[in-house]
Amino acid sequence: MQPNLTDQYILDDMLCEEKQLISLYGTAITESGCPNLRRAFQQNMITSLEDQYQVFTQMKDLGFYQPKDAQSADVQQAVQKMTQTKGQL
């Protein structure tokens, strides 16, 4: 049985694909020893990040994706945790 290709299904698939591409580019960047190849991966990653945000925004505007706004205290806690983790590396 073929899935019902609704706008929501298509956008969700696009969002998942962009997230996967971003992850793959991150791995490729960290494992690349060639400066030119690294720059190409970085440029492609930026493009994928922009594309992902456009899909996310469209899904949000259509009511398909409803993220909750983070509380200021939660944001500060996450920043502190990441700063601590970075300091431990």
C-alpha atoms as a PDB file:
ATOM      1  CA  MET A   1       0.000   0.000   0.000  1.00  0.00           C
ATOM      2  CA  GLN A   2       1.364   3.403  -0.990  1.00  0.00           C
ATOM      3  CA  PRO A   3       1.431   6.173   1.626  1.00  0.00           C
ATOM      4  CA  ASN A   4      -0.966   9.065   1.316  1.00  0.00           C
ATOM      5  CA  LEU A   5       1.274  11.804  -0.093  1.00  0.00           C
ATOM      6  CA  THR A   6      -0.238  14.734   1.738  1.00  0.00           C
ATOM      7  CA  ASP A   7       1.554  18.055   2.101  1.00  0.00           C
ATOM      8  CA  GLN A   8       2.317  17.137   5.701  1.00  0.00           C
ATOM      9  CA  TYR A   9       3.838  13.776   4.706  1.00  0.00           C
ATOM     10  CA  ILE A  10       5.977  15.365   1.986  1.00  0.00           C
ATOM     11  CA  LEU A  11       7.193  18.201   4.197  1.00  0.00           C
ATOM     12  CA  ASP A  12       7.956  15.812   7.050  1.00  0.00           C
ATOM     13  CA  ASP A  13       9.992  13.653   4.685  1.00  0.00           C
ATOM     14  CA  MET A  14      11.851  16.720   3.406  1.00  0.00           C
ATOM     15  CA  LEU A  15      12.588  17.842   6.970  1.00  0.00           C
ATOM     16  CA  CYS A  16      13.967  14.426   7.897  1.00  0.00           C
ATOM     17  CA  GLU A  17      16.126  14.331   4.764  1.00  0.00           C
ATOM     18  CA  GLU A  18      17.581  17.778   5.455  1.00  0.00           C
ATOM     19  CA  LYS A  19      18.397  16.782   9.036  1.00  0.00           C
ATOM     20  CA  GLN A  20      20.139  13.663   7.751  1.00  0.00           C
ATOM     21  CA  LEU A  21      22.138  15.689   5.220  1.00  0.00           C
ATOM     22  CA  ILE A  22      23.209  18.140   7.926  1.00  0.00           C
ATOM     23  CA  SER A  23      24.409  15.268  10.089  1.00  0.00           C
ATOM     24  CA  LEU A  24      26.330  13.704   7.195  1.00  0.00           C
ATOM     25  CA  TYR A  25      27.951  17.009   6.263  1.00  0.00           C
ATOM     26  CA  GLY A  26      29.021  17.481   9.895  1.00  0.00           C
ATOM     27  CA  THR A  27      30.732  14.106   9.856  1.00  0.00           C
ATOM     28  CA  ALA A  28      32.340  14.788   6.475  1.00  0.00           C
ATOM     29  CA  ILE A  29      33.654  18.169   7.639  1.00  0.00           C
ATOM     30  CA  THR A  30      35.251  16.746  10.773  1.00  0.00           C
ATOM     31  CA  GLU A  31      36.852  13.885   8.853  1.00  0.00           C
ATOM     32  CA  SER A  32      38.080  15.859   5.836  1.00  0.00           C
ATOM     33  CA  GLY A  33      41.778  16.613   5.601  1.00  0.00           C
ATOM     34  CA  CYS A  34      41.568  18.569   2.354  1.00  0.00           C
ATOM     35  CA  PRO A  35      40.858  22.297   2.911  1.00  0.00           C
ATOM     36  CA  ASN A  36      39.000  22.700  -0.411  1.00  0.00           C
ATOM     37  CA  LEU A  37      36.807  19.670   0.213  1.00  0.00           C
ATOM     38  CA  ARG A  38      36.168  20.825   3.776  1.00  0.00           C
ATOM     39  CA  ARG A  39      35.053  24.255   2.506  1.00  0.00           C
ATOM     40  CA  ALA A  40      32.743  22.622  -0.045  1.00  0.00           C
ATOM     41  CA  PHE A  41      31.156  20.491   2.681  1.00  0.00           C
ATOM     42  CA  GLN A  42      30.774  23.564   4.896  1.00  0.00           C
ATOM     43  CA  GLN A  43      29.063  25.528   2.118  1.00  0.00           C
ATOM     44  CA  ASN A  44      26.743  22.601   1.388  1.00  0.00           C
ATOM     45  CA  MET A  45      25.954  22.285   5.096  1.00  0.00           C
ATOM     46  CA  ILE A  46      25.017  25.962   5.301  1.00  0.00           C
ATOM     47  CA  THR A  47      22.706  25.531   2.308  1.00  0.00           C
ATOM     48  CA  SER A  48      21.117  22.472   3.950  1.00  0.00           C
ATOM     49  CA  LEU A  49      20.668  24.393   7.213  1.00  0.00           C
ATOM     50  CA  GLU A  50      18.881  27.170   5.330  1.00  0.00           C
ATOM     51  CA  ASP A  51      16.714  24.655   3.450  1.00  0.00           C
ATOM     52  CA  GLN A  52      15.869  22.825   6.684  1.00  0.00           C
ATOM     53  CA  TYR A  53      14.774  26.086   8.310  1.00  0.00           C
ATOM     54  CA  GLN A  54      12.552  26.941   5.334  1.00  0.00           C
ATOM     55  CA  VAL A  55      10.827  23.553   5.529  1.00  0.00           C
ATOM     56  CA  PHE A  56      10.526  23.856   9.321  1.00  0.00           C
ATOM     57  CA  THR A  57       8.997  27.336   8.994  1.00  0.00           C
ATOM     58  CA  GLN A  58       6.524  26.171   6.367  1.00  0.00           C
ATOM     59  CA  MET A  59       5.488  23.210   8.536  1.00  0.00           C
ATOM     60  CA  LYS A  60       5.118  25.479  11.554  1.00  0.00           C
ATOM     61  CA  ASP A  61       3.054  28.022   9.582  1.00  0.00           C
ATOM     62  CA  LEU A  62       0.750  25.252   8.323  1.00  0.00           C
ATOM     63  CA  GLY A  63       0.312  23.873  11.832  1.00  0.00           C
ATOM     64  CA  PHE A  64       2.089  20.581  11.037  1.00  0.00           C
ATOM     65  CA  TYR A  65       4.905  21.210  13.493  1.00  0.00           C
ATOM     66  CA  GLN A  66       4.204  22.894  16.795  1.00  0.00           C
ATOM     67  CA  PRO A  67       7.362  23.385  18.845  1.00  0.00           C
ATOM     68  CA  LYS A  68       7.038  24.936  22.255  1.00  0.00           C
ATOM     69  CA  ASP A  69       8.992  28.074  23.037  1.00  0.00           C
ATOM     70  CA  ALA A  70      11.772  27.432  25.511  1.00  0.00           C
ATOM     71  CA  GLN A  71      11.589  29.215  28.828  1.00  0.00           C
ATOM     72  CA  SER A  72      14.438  31.674  29.441  1.00  0.00           C
ATOM     73  CA  ALA A  73      15.660  29.657  32.435  1.00  0.00           C
ATOM     74  CA  ASP A  74      15.765  26.486  30.315  1.00  0.00           C
ATOM     75  CA  VAL A  75      17.811  28.262  27.658  1.00  0.00           C
ATOM     76  CA  GLN A  76      20.288  29.525  30.254  1.00  0.00           C
ATOM     77  CA  GLN A  77      20.559  26.049  31.775  1.00  0.00           C
ATOM     78  CA  ALA A  78      21.269  24.516  28.357  1.00  0.00           C
ATOM     79  CA  VAL A  79      23.917  27.168  27.615  1.00  0.00           C
ATOM     80  CA  GLN A  80      25.602  26.526  30.958  1.00  0.00           C
ATOM     81  CA  LYS A  81      25.578  22.771  30.403  1.00  0.00           C
ATOM     82  CA  MET A  82      27.099  23.122  26.928  1.00  0.00           C
ATOM     83  CA  THR A  83      29.727  25.570  28.244  1.00  0.00           C
ATOM     84  CA  GLN A  84      30.664  23.099  30.982  1.00  0.00           C
ATOM     85  CA  THR A  85      30.837  20.231  28.513  1.00  0.00           C
ATOM     86  CA  LYS A  86      33.007  22.275  26.165  1.00  0.00           C
ATOM     87  CA  GLY A  87      35.301  23.170  29.062  1.00  0.00           C
ATOM     88  CA  GLN A  88      35.748  19.494  29.907  1.00  0.00           C
ATOM     89  CA  LEU A  89      36.919  18.623  26.396  1.00  0.00           C
END
